[in-house]
Amino acid sequence: MSSTSHHDAAEVGDRGLICDVDLAILAAPEERYRRYEADIRREYAHVPEPLYRLGRRRVLARFLRRQHIYQTAHFRDRLEARARANLAAVMATLRSAHAR
């Protein structure tokens, strides 16, 4: 399994750093992060909308439940708050669209 395929919160050393680099997109500026989410949706275009929303909420909730999204202090100090804000915003959108 590659270091970036599971983003295990218990990774250490270089593997943790690699995961943090891979997850840096979660803390992108709002407009860029929205494009990232749209890219993911296109990647899963074959998945029906209700199932996609459910699955995406599960993935994002798993990150939000972690004590820290990023494993290294460098990334936590710089990106953690912005990443959490982006994930929370997407979760709210996924929930509100589901409620319609």
PDB file of N, CA and C in Angstrom:
ATOM      1  N   MET A   1       0.849  -1.179   0.000  1.00  0.00           N
ATOM      2  CA  MET A   1       0.000   0.000   0.000  1.00  0.00           C
ATOM      3  C   MET A   1       0.886   1.232   0.000  1.00  0.00           C
ATOM      4  N   SER A   2       0.559   2.202  -0.816  1.00  0.00           N
ATOM      5  CA  SER A   2       1.374   3.408  -0.864  1.00  0.00           C
ATOM      6  C   SER A   2       1.096   4.285   0.347  1.00  0.00           C
ATOM      7  N   SER A   3       2.015   5.179   0.631  1.00  0.00           N
ATOM      8  CA  SER A   3       1.872   6.064   1.780  1.00  0.00           C
ATOM      9  C   SER A   3       0.691   7.003   1.654  1.00  0.00           C
ATOM     10  N   THR A   4       0.305   7.317   0.447  1.00  0.00           N
ATOM     11  CA  THR A   4      -0.772   8.294   0.284  1.00  0.00           C
ATOM     12  C   THR A   4      -2.131   7.646   0.078  1.00  0.00           C
ATOM     13  N   SER A   5      -2.218   6.354   0.001  1.00  0.00           N
ATOM     14  CA  SER A   5      -3.493   5.737  -0.322  1.00  0.00           C
ATOM     15  C   SER A   5      -4.434   5.641   0.863  1.00  0.00           C
ATOM     16  N   HIS A   6      -3.939   5.757   2.068  1.00  0.00           N
ATOM     17  CA  HIS A   6      -4.834   5.611   3.211  1.00  0.00           C
ATOM     18  C   HIS A   6      -4.750   6.757   4.206  1.00  0.00           C
ATOM     19  N   HIS A   7      -3.739   7.562   4.174  1.00  0.00           N
ATOM     20  CA  HIS A   7      -3.612   8.733   5.037  1.00  0.00           C
ATOM     21  C   HIS A   7      -3.847   8.387   6.495  1.00  0.00           C
ATOM     22  N   ASP A   8      -3.217   7.332   6.937  1.00  0.00           N
ATOM     23  CA  ASP A   8      -3.346   6.880   8.316  1.00  0.00           C
ATOM     24  C   ASP A   8      -2.766   7.917   9.262  1.00  0.00           C
ATOM     25  N   ALA A   9      -3.540   8.303  10.254  1.00  0.00           N
ATOM     26  CA  ALA A   9      -3.111   9.336  11.198  1.00  0.00           C
ATOM     27  C   ALA A   9      -1.941   8.883  12.064  1.00  0.00           C
ATOM     28  N   ALA A  10      -1.596   7.614  12.045  1.00  0.00           N
ATOM     29  CA  ALA A  10      -0.517   7.112  12.886  1.00  0.00           C
ATOM     30  C   ALA A  10       0.830   7.038  12.167  1.00  0.00           C
ATOM     31  N   GLU A  11       0.900   7.504  10.937  1.00  0.00           N
ATOM     32  CA  GLU A  11       2.159   7.471  10.192  1.00  0.00           C
ATOM     33  C   GLU A  11       3.204   8.345  10.873  1.00  0.00           C
ATOM     34  N   VAL A  12       4.459   7.957  10.720  1.00  0.00           N
ATOM     35  CA  VAL A  12       5.543   8.744  11.312  1.00  0.00           C
ATOM     36  C   VAL A  12       6.644   8.953  10.282  1.00  0.00           C
ATOM     37  N   GLY A  13       7.521   9.895  10.582  1.00  0.00           N
ATOM     38  CA  GLY A  13       8.692  10.122   9.747  1.00  0.00           C
ATOM     39  C   GLY A  13       8.342  10.554   8.342  1.00  0.00           C
ATOM     40  N   ASP A  14       9.149  10.039   7.399  1.00  0.00           N
ATOM     41  CA  ASP A  14       8.982  10.426   5.994  1.00  0.00           C
ATOM     42  C   ASP A  14       7.601  10.076   5.455  1.00  0.00           C
ATOM     43  N   ARG A  15       7.060   8.941   5.873  1.00  0.00           N
ATOM     44  CA  ARG A  15       5.724   8.557   5.397  1.00  0.00           C
ATOM     45  C   ARG A  15       4.683   9.569   5.853  1.00  0.00           C
ATOM     46  N   GLY A  16       4.808  10.045   7.083  1.00  0.00           N
ATOM     47  CA  GLY A  16       3.891  11.075   7.577  1.00  0.00           C
ATOM     48  C   GLY A  16       4.011  12.353   6.782  1.00  0.00           C
ATOM     49  N   LEU A  17       5.231  12.722   6.464  1.00  0.00           N
ATOM     50  CA  LEU A  17       5.459  13.926   5.670  1.00  0.00           C
ATOM     51  C   LEU A  17       4.853  13.773   4.276  1.00  0.00           C
ATOM     52  N   ILE A  18       5.030  12.626   3.671  1.00  0.00           N
ATOM     53  CA  ILE A  18       4.460  12.372   2.345  1.00  0.00           C
ATOM     54  C   ILE A  18       2.933  12.484   2.399  1.00  0.00           C
ATOM     55  N   CYS A  19       2.331  11.915   3.420  1.00  0.00           N
ATOM     56  CA  CYS A  19       0.874  12.019   3.562  1.00  0.00           C
ATOM     57  C   CYS A  19       0.447  13.473   3.734  1.00  0.00           C
ATOM     58  N   ASP A  20       1.200  14.223   4.550  1.00  0.00           N
ATOM     59  CA  ASP A  20       0.859  15.632   4.760  1.00  0.00           C
ATOM     60  C   ASP A  20       0.951  16.425   3.466  1.00  0.00           C
ATOM     61  N   VAL A  21       1.974  16.173   2.678  1.00  0.00           N
ATOM     62  CA  VAL A  21       2.106  16.861   1.388  1.00  0.00           C
ATOM     63  C   VAL A  21       0.901  16.517   0.512  1.00  0.00           C
ATOM     64  N   ASP A  22       0.525  15.256   0.487  1.00  0.00           N
ATOM     65  CA  ASP A  22      -0.607  14.824  -0.316  1.00  0.00           C
ATOM     66  C   ASP A  22      -1.907  15.488   0.150  1.00  0.00           C
ATOM     67  N   LEU A  23      -2.062  15.676   1.448  1.00  0.00           N
ATOM     68  CA  LEU A  23      -3.274  16.261   2.004  1.00  0.00           C
ATOM     69  C   LEU A  23      -3.256  17.790   2.040  1.00  0.00           C
ATOM     70  N   ALA A  24      -2.175  18.401   1.620  1.00  0.00           N
ATOM     71  CA  ALA A  24      -2.081  19.864   1.649  1.00  0.00           C
ATOM     72  C   ALA A  24      -3.206  20.515   0.862  1.00  0.00           C
ATOM     73  N   ILE A  25      -3.716  19.861  -0.161  1.00  0.00           N
ATOM     74  CA  ILE A  25      -4.809  20.409  -0.975  1.00  0.00           C
ATOM     75  C   ILE A  25      -6.033  20.705  -0.114  1.00  0.00           C
ATOM     76  N   LEU A  26      -6.202  20.000   0.971  1.00  0.00           N
ATOM     77  CA  LEU A  26      -7.364  20.226   1.832  1.00  0.00           C
ATOM     78  C   LEU A  26      -7.371  21.635   2.419  1.00  0.00           C
ATOM     79  N   ALA A  27      -6.211  22.268   2.456  1.00  0.00           N
ATOM     80  CA  ALA A  27      -6.096  23.620   3.017  1.00  0.00           C
ATOM     81  C   ALA A  27      -5.922  24.684   1.935  1.00  0.00           C
ATOM     82  N   ALA A  28      -6.232  24.340   0.714  1.00  0.00           N
ATOM     83  CA  ALA A  28      -6.099  25.305  -0.389  1.00  0.00           C
ATOM     84  C   ALA A  28      -7.057  26.474  -0.179  1.00  0.00           C
ATOM     85  N   PRO A  29      -6.767  27.610  -0.796  1.00  0.00           N
ATOM     86  CA  PRO A  29      -7.725  28.721  -0.762  1.00  0.00           C
ATOM     87  C   PRO A  29      -9.097  28.231  -1.245  1.00  0.00           C
ATOM     88  N   GLU A  30     -10.144  28.871  -0.772  1.00  0.00           N
ATOM     89  CA  GLU A  30     -11.513  28.407  -0.990  1.00  0.00           C
ATOM     90  C   GLU A  30     -11.827  28.081  -2.454  1.00  0.00           C
ATOM     91  N   GLU A  31     -11.495  28.981  -3.364  1.00  0.00           N
ATOM     92  CA  GLU A  31     -11.811  28.749  -4.782  1.00  0.00           C
ATOM     93  C   GLU A  31     -11.081  27.514  -5.312  1.00  0.00           C
ATOM     94  N   ARG A  32      -9.814  27.381  -4.974  1.00  0.00           N
ATOM     95  CA  ARG A  32      -9.040  26.208  -5.422  1.00  0.00           C
ATOM     96  C   ARG A  32      -9.588  24.927  -4.816  1.00  0.00           C
ATOM     97  N   TYR A  33      -9.975  24.990  -3.559  1.00  0.00           N
ATOM     98  CA  TYR A  33     -10.513  23.792  -2.918  1.00  0.00           C
ATOM     99  C   TYR A  33     -11.841  23.384  -3.569  1.00  0.00           C
ATOM    100  N   ARG A  34     -12.655  24.351  -3.935  1.00  0.00           N
ATOM    101  CA  ARG A  34     -13.913  24.018  -4.627  1.00  0.00           C
ATOM    102  C   ARG A  34     -13.633  23.317  -5.954  1.00  0.00           C
ATOM    103  N   ARG A  35     -12.610  23.752  -6.682  1.00  0.00           N
ATOM    104  CA  ARG A  35     -12.232  23.078  -7.933  1.00  0.00           C
ATOM    105  C   ARG A  35     -11.775  21.648  -7.652  1.00  0.00           C
ATOM    106  N   TYR A  36     -11.024  21.474  -6.581  1.00  0.00           N
ATOM    107  CA  TYR A  36     -10.574  20.137  -6.189  1.00  0.00           C
ATOM    108  C   TYR A  36     -11.772  19.223  -5.931  1.00  0.00           C
ATOM    109  N   GLU A  37     -12.750  19.723  -5.193  1.00  0.00           N
ATOM    110  CA  GLU A  37     -13.950  18.919  -4.918  1.00  0.00           C
ATOM    111  C   GLU A  37     -14.693  18.605  -6.217  1.00  0.00           C
ATOM    112  N   ALA A  38     -14.779  19.569  -7.124  1.00  0.00           N
ATOM    113  CA  ALA A  38     -15.428  19.337  -8.413  1.00  0.00           C
ATOM    114  C   ALA A  38     -14.665  18.285  -9.213  1.00  0.00           C
ATOM    115  N   ASP A  39     -13.349  18.309  -9.135  1.00  0.00           N
ATOM    116  CA  ASP A  39     -12.530  17.300  -9.825  1.00  0.00           C
ATOM    117  C   ASP A  39     -12.807  15.910  -9.261  1.00  0.00           C
ATOM    118  N   ILE A  40     -12.943  15.820  -7.966  1.00  0.00           N
ATOM    119  CA  ILE A  40     -13.242  14.523  -7.351  1.00  0.00           C
ATOM    120  C   ILE A  40     -14.611  14.034  -7.817  1.00  0.00           C
ATOM    121  N   ARG A  41     -15.573  14.941  -7.860  1.00  0.00           N
ATOM    122  CA  ARG A  41     -16.907  14.528  -8.315  1.00  0.00           C
ATOM    123  C   ARG A  41     -16.856  14.012  -9.741  1.00  0.00           C
ATOM    124  N   ARG A  42     -16.091  14.677 -10.605  1.00  0.00           N
ATOM    125  CA  ARG A  42     -15.948  14.205 -11.993  1.00  0.00           C
ATOM    126  C   ARG A  42     -15.291  12.827 -12.033  1.00  0.00           C
ATOM    127  N   GLU A  43     -14.328  12.615 -11.167  1.00  0.00           N
ATOM    128  CA  GLU A  43     -13.655  11.310 -11.107  1.00  0.00           C
ATOM    129  C   GLU A  43     -14.653  10.204 -10.748  1.00  0.00           C
ATOM    130  N   TYR A  44     -15.639  10.542  -9.950  1.00  0.00           N
ATOM    131  CA  TYR A  44     -16.646   9.569  -9.519  1.00  0.00           C
ATOM    132  C   TYR A  44     -17.993   9.819 -10.205  1.00  0.00           C
ATOM    133  N   ALA A  45     -17.958  10.311 -11.415  1.00  0.00           N
ATOM    134  CA  ALA A  45     -19.178  10.626 -12.153  1.00  0.00           C
ATOM    135  C   ALA A  45     -20.073   9.394 -12.339  1.00  0.00           C
ATOM    136  N   HIS A  46     -19.480   8.224 -12.333  1.00  0.00           N
ATOM    137  CA  HIS A  46     -20.248   6.991 -12.505  1.00  0.00           C
ATOM    138  C   HIS A  46     -21.068   6.633 -11.265  1.00  0.00           C
ATOM    139  N   VAL A  47     -20.818   7.297 -10.144  1.00  0.00           N
ATOM    140  CA  VAL A  47     -21.529   7.012  -8.898  1.00  0.00           C
ATOM    141  C   VAL A  47     -22.762   7.913  -8.822  1.00  0.00           C
ATOM    142  N   PRO A  48     -23.930   7.349  -8.592  1.00  0.00           N
ATOM    143  CA  PRO A  48     -25.142   8.170  -8.469  1.00  0.00           C
ATOM    144  C   PRO A  48     -24.990   9.218  -7.360  1.00  0.00           C
ATOM    145  N   GLU A  49     -25.588  10.364  -7.577  1.00  0.00           N
ATOM    146  CA  GLU A  49     -25.431  11.501  -6.664  1.00  0.00           C
ATOM    147  C   GLU A  49     -25.690  11.166  -5.190  1.00  0.00           C
ATOM    148  N   PRO A  50     -26.781  10.506  -4.845  1.00  0.00           N
ATOM    149  CA  PRO A  50     -27.002  10.224  -3.416  1.00  0.00           C
ATOM    150  C   PRO A  50     -25.897   9.357  -2.802  1.00  0.00           C
ATOM    151  N   LEU A  51     -25.434   8.379  -3.554  1.00  0.00           N
ATOM    152  CA  LEU A  51     -24.363   7.524  -3.053  1.00  0.00           C
ATOM    153  C   LEU A  51     -23.043   8.272  -2.956  1.00  0.00           C
ATOM    154  N   TYR A  52     -22.794   9.129  -3.927  1.00  0.00           N
ATOM    155  CA  TYR A  52     -21.575   9.932  -3.886  1.00  0.00           C
ATOM    156  C   TYR A  52     -21.576  10.815  -2.648  1.00  0.00           C
ATOM    157  N   ARG A  53     -22.666  11.516  -2.411  1.00  0.00           N
ATOM    158  CA  ARG A  53     -22.745  12.420  -1.259  1.00  0.00           C
ATOM    159  C   ARG A  53     -22.526  11.664   0.043  1.00  0.00           C
ATOM    160  N   LEU A  54     -23.143  10.520   0.167  1.00  0.00           N
ATOM    161  CA  LEU A  54     -22.982   9.710   1.370  1.00  0.00           C
ATOM    162  C   LEU A  54     -21.521   9.289   1.543  1.00  0.00           C
ATOM    163  N   GLY A  55     -20.925   8.780   0.492  1.00  0.00           N
ATOM    164  CA  GLY A  55     -19.530   8.339   0.564  1.00  0.00           C
ATOM    165  C   GLY A  55     -18.569   9.482   0.831  1.00  0.00           C
ATOM    166  N   ARG A  56     -18.800  10.600   0.177  1.00  0.00           N
ATOM    167  CA  ARG A  56     -17.899  11.751   0.374  1.00  0.00           C
ATOM    168  C   ARG A  56     -18.026  12.287   1.795  1.00  0.00           C
ATOM    169  N   ARG A  57     -19.243  12.336   2.317  1.00  0.00           N
ATOM    170  CA  ARG A  57     -19.415  12.761   3.708  1.00  0.00           C
ATOM    171  C   ARG A  57     -18.666  11.830   4.655  1.00  0.00           C
ATOM    172  N   ARG A  58     -18.712  10.552   4.395  1.00  0.00           N
ATOM    173  CA  ARG A  58     -17.997   9.598   5.261  1.00  0.00           C
ATOM    174  C   ARG A  58     -16.490   9.833   5.225  1.00  0.00           C
ATOM    175  N   VAL A  59     -15.958  10.051   4.043  1.00  0.00           N
ATOM    176  CA  VAL A  59     -14.517  10.300   3.906  1.00  0.00           C
ATOM    177  C   VAL A  59     -14.123  11.570   4.651  1.00  0.00           C
ATOM    178  N   LEU A  60     -14.858  12.643   4.418  1.00  0.00           N
ATOM    179  CA  LEU A  60     -14.516  13.917   5.048  1.00  0.00           C
ATOM    180  C   LEU A  60     -14.719  13.864   6.555  1.00  0.00           C
ATOM    181  N   ALA A  61     -15.761  13.191   7.005  1.00  0.00           N
ATOM    182  CA  ALA A  61     -16.010  13.071   8.450  1.00  0.00           C
ATOM    183  C   ALA A  61     -14.861  12.341   9.135  1.00  0.00           C
ATOM    184  N   ARG A  62     -14.295  11.371   8.453  1.00  0.00           N
ATOM    185  CA  ARG A  62     -13.160  10.634   9.027  1.00  0.00           C
ATOM    186  C   ARG A  62     -11.987  11.573   9.280  1.00  0.00           C
ATOM    187  N   PHE A  63     -11.733  12.479   8.351  1.00  0.00           N
ATOM    188  CA  PHE A  63     -10.669  13.468   8.566  1.00  0.00           C
ATOM    189  C   PHE A  63     -11.025  14.405   9.715  1.00  0.00           C
ATOM    190  N   LEU A  64     -12.258  14.859   9.751  1.00  0.00           N
ATOM    191  CA  LEU A  64     -12.660  15.819  10.780  1.00  0.00           C
ATOM    192  C   LEU A  64     -12.669  15.218  12.187  1.00  0.00           C
ATOM    193  N   ARG A  65     -12.852  13.912  12.299  1.00  0.00           N
ATOM    194  CA  ARG A  65     -12.834  13.257  13.616  1.00  0.00           C
ATOM    195  C   ARG A  65     -11.429  13.107  14.183  1.00  0.00           C
ATOM    196  N   ARG A  66     -10.446  13.193  13.343  1.00  0.00           N
ATOM    197  CA  ARG A  66      -9.070  13.065  13.822  1.00  0.00           C
ATOM    198  C   ARG A  66      -8.721  14.211  14.765  1.00  0.00           C
ATOM    199  N   GLN A  67      -7.848  13.924  15.697  1.00  0.00           N
ATOM    200  CA  GLN A  67      -7.345  15.007  16.544  1.00  0.00           C
ATOM    201  C   GLN A  67      -6.589  16.004  15.669  1.00  0.00           C
ATOM    202  N   HIS A  68      -5.804  15.483  14.724  1.00  0.00           N
ATOM    203  CA  HIS A  68      -5.053  16.314  13.779  1.00  0.00           C
ATOM    204  C   HIS A  68      -5.186  15.703  12.389  1.00  0.00           C
ATOM    205  N   ILE A  69      -5.460  16.531  11.408  1.00  0.00           N
ATOM    206  CA  ILE A  69      -5.478  16.059  10.024  1.00  0.00           C
ATOM    207  C   ILE A  69      -4.046  15.797   9.562  1.00  0.00           C
ATOM    208  N   TYR A  70      -3.166  16.716   9.931  1.00  0.00           N
ATOM    209  CA  TYR A  70      -1.766  16.626   9.505  1.00  0.00           C
ATOM    210  C   TYR A  70      -0.918  16.013  10.608  1.00  0.00           C
ATOM    211  N   GLN A  71       0.054  15.224  10.202  1.00  0.00           N
ATOM    212  CA  GLN A  71       0.868  14.475  11.147  1.00  0.00           C
ATOM    213  C   GLN A  71       2.112  15.216  11.612  1.00  0.00           C
ATOM    214  N   THR A  72       2.572  16.138  10.815  1.00  0.00           N
ATOM    215  CA  THR A  72       3.781  16.875  11.184  1.00  0.00           C
ATOM    216  C   THR A  72       3.404  18.252  11.715  1.00  0.00           C
ATOM    217  N   ALA A  73       4.189  18.730  12.669  1.00  0.00           N
ATOM    218  CA  ALA A  73       3.933  20.046  13.266  1.00  0.00           C
ATOM    219  C   ALA A  73       3.963  21.138  12.202  1.00  0.00           C
ATOM    220  N   HIS A  74       4.870  21.013  11.256  1.00  0.00           N
ATOM    221  CA  HIS A  74       4.986  22.006  10.189  1.00  0.00           C
ATOM    222  C   HIS A  74       3.639  22.200   9.480  1.00  0.00           C
ATOM    223  N   PHE A  75       3.022  21.125   9.050  1.00  0.00           N
ATOM    224  CA  PHE A  75       1.757  21.210   8.324  1.00  0.00           C
ATOM    225  C   PHE A  75       0.604  21.561   9.259  1.00  0.00           C
ATOM    226  N   ARG A  76       0.595  20.983  10.453  1.00  0.00           N
ATOM    227  CA  ARG A  76      -0.475  21.312  11.412  1.00  0.00           C
ATOM    228  C   ARG A  76      -0.500  22.802  11.692  1.00  0.00           C
ATOM    229  N   ASP A  77       0.650  23.367  11.992  1.00  0.00           N
ATOM    230  CA  ASP A  77       0.726  24.786  12.352  1.00  0.00           C
ATOM    231  C   ASP A  77       0.259  25.689  11.217  1.00  0.00           C
ATOM    232  N   ARG A  78       0.525  25.292   9.992  1.00  0.00           N
ATOM    233  CA  ARG A  78       0.238  26.150   8.850  1.00  0.00           C
ATOM    234  C   ARG A  78      -1.105  25.868   8.176  1.00  0.00           C
ATOM    235  N   LEU A  79      -1.557  24.621   8.207  1.00  0.00           N
ATOM    236  CA  LEU A  79      -2.685  24.250   7.359  1.00  0.00           C
ATOM    237  C   LEU A  79      -3.906  23.685   8.076  1.00  0.00           C
ATOM    238  N   GLU A  80      -3.761  23.240   9.291  1.00  0.00           N
ATOM    239  CA  GLU A  80      -4.843  22.526   9.979  1.00  0.00           C
ATOM    240  C   GLU A  80      -6.153  23.329  10.016  1.00  0.00           C
ATOM    241  N   ALA A  81      -6.100  24.567  10.452  1.00  0.00           N
ATOM    242  CA  ALA A  81      -7.326  25.363  10.600  1.00  0.00           C
ATOM    243  C   ALA A  81      -8.023  25.563   9.253  1.00  0.00           C
ATOM    244  N   ARG A  82      -7.270  25.891   8.223  1.00  0.00           N
ATOM    245  CA  ARG A  82      -7.860  26.112   6.892  1.00  0.00           C
ATOM    246  C   ARG A  82      -8.443  24.812   6.345  1.00  0.00           C
ATOM    247  N   ALA A  83      -7.751  23.696   6.533  1.00  0.00           N
ATOM    248  CA  ALA A  83      -8.259  22.408   6.059  1.00  0.00           C
ATOM    249  C   ALA A  83      -9.575  22.075   6.750  1.00  0.00           C
ATOM    250  N   ARG A  84      -9.632  22.263   8.049  1.00  0.00           N
ATOM    251  CA  ARG A  84     -10.873  21.982   8.782  1.00  0.00           C
ATOM    252  C   ARG A  84     -12.017  22.872   8.305  1.00  0.00           C
ATOM    253  N   ALA A  85     -11.723  24.120   8.032  1.00  0.00           N
ATOM    254  CA  ALA A  85     -12.760  25.037   7.525  1.00  0.00           C
ATOM    255  C   ALA A  85     -13.258  24.573   6.161  1.00  0.00           C
ATOM    256  N   ASN A  86     -12.355  24.183   5.264  1.00  0.00           N
ATOM    257  CA  ASN A  86     -12.757  23.691   3.943  1.00  0.00           C
ATOM    258  C   ASN A  86     -13.613  22.435   4.062  1.00  0.00           C
ATOM    259  N   LEU A  87     -13.175  21.499   4.880  1.00  0.00           N
ATOM    260  CA  LEU A  87     -13.913  20.239   5.026  1.00  0.00           C
ATOM    261  C   LEU A  87     -15.292  20.488   5.631  1.00  0.00           C
ATOM    262  N   ALA A  88     -15.364  21.352   6.629  1.00  0.00           N
ATOM    263  CA  ALA A  88     -16.651  21.656   7.257  1.00  0.00           C
ATOM    264  C   ALA A  88     -17.601  22.312   6.256  1.00  0.00           C
ATOM    265  N   ALA A  89     -17.086  23.188   5.415  1.00  0.00           N
ATOM    266  CA  ALA A  89     -17.924  23.847   4.411  1.00  0.00           C
ATOM    267  C   ALA A  89     -18.478  22.839   3.410  1.00  0.00           C
ATOM    268  N   VAL A  90     -17.646  21.915   2.969  1.00  0.00           N
ATOM    269  CA  VAL A  90     -18.110  20.891   2.025  1.00  0.00           C
ATOM    270  C   VAL A  90     -19.121  19.977   2.702  1.00  0.00           C
ATOM    271  N   MET A  91     -18.864  19.608   3.942  1.00  0.00           N
ATOM    272  CA  MET A  91     -19.813  18.758   4.672  1.00  0.00           C
ATOM    273  C   MET A  91     -21.171  19.438   4.757  1.00  0.00           C
ATOM    274  N   ALA A  92     -21.191  20.726   5.051  1.00  0.00           N
ATOM    275  CA  ALA A  92     -22.452  21.461   5.135  1.00  0.00           C
ATOM    276  C   ALA A  92     -23.171  21.455   3.791  1.00  0.00           C
ATOM    277  N   THR A  93     -22.422  21.636   2.720  1.00  0.00           N
ATOM    278  CA  THR A  93     -23.011  21.616   1.376  1.00  0.00           C
ATOM    279  C   THR A  93     -23.571  20.234   1.055  1.00  0.00           C
ATOM    280  N   LEU A  94     -22.826  19.207   1.373  1.00  0.00           N
ATOM    281  CA  LEU A  94     -23.278  17.840   1.102  1.00  0.00           C
ATOM    282  C   LEU A  94     -24.527  17.508   1.913  1.00  0.00           C
ATOM    283  N   ARG A  95     -24.589  17.973   3.146  1.00  0.00           N
ATOM    284  CA  ARG A  95     -25.763  17.728   3.986  1.00  0.00           C
ATOM    285  C   ARG A  95     -26.975  18.502   3.475  1.00  0.00           C
ATOM    286  N   SER A  96     -26.762  19.782   3.143  1.00  0.00           N
ATOM    287  CA  SER A  96     -27.899  20.612   2.732  1.00  0.00           C
ATOM    288  C   SER A  96     -28.465  20.130   1.395  1.00  0.00           C
ATOM    289  N   ALA A  97     -27.615  19.724   0.500  1.00  0.00           N
ATOM    290  CA  ALA A  97     -28.085  19.214  -0.783  1.00  0.00           C
ATOM    291  C   ALA A  97     -28.829  17.898  -0.593  1.00  0.00           C
ATOM    292  N   HIS A  98     -28.404  17.116   0.403  1.00  0.00           N
ATOM    293  CA  HIS A  98     -29.054  15.845   0.702  1.00  0.00           C
ATOM    294  C   HIS A  98     -30.456  16.080   1.266  1.00  0.00           C
ATOM    295  N   ALA A  99     -30.631  17.178   2.004  1.00  0.00           N
ATOM    296  CA  ALA A  99     -31.904  17.455   2.642  1.00  0.00           C
ATOM    297  C   ALA A  99     -32.960  17.976   1.674  1.00  0.00           C
ATOM    298  N   ARG A 100     -32.547  18.387   0.496  1.00  0.00           N
ATOM    299  CA  ARG A 100     -33.504  18.941  -0.470  1.00  0.00           C
ATOM    300  C   ARG A 100     -34.458  17.913  -0.995  1.00  0.00           C
TER     301      ARG A 100
END
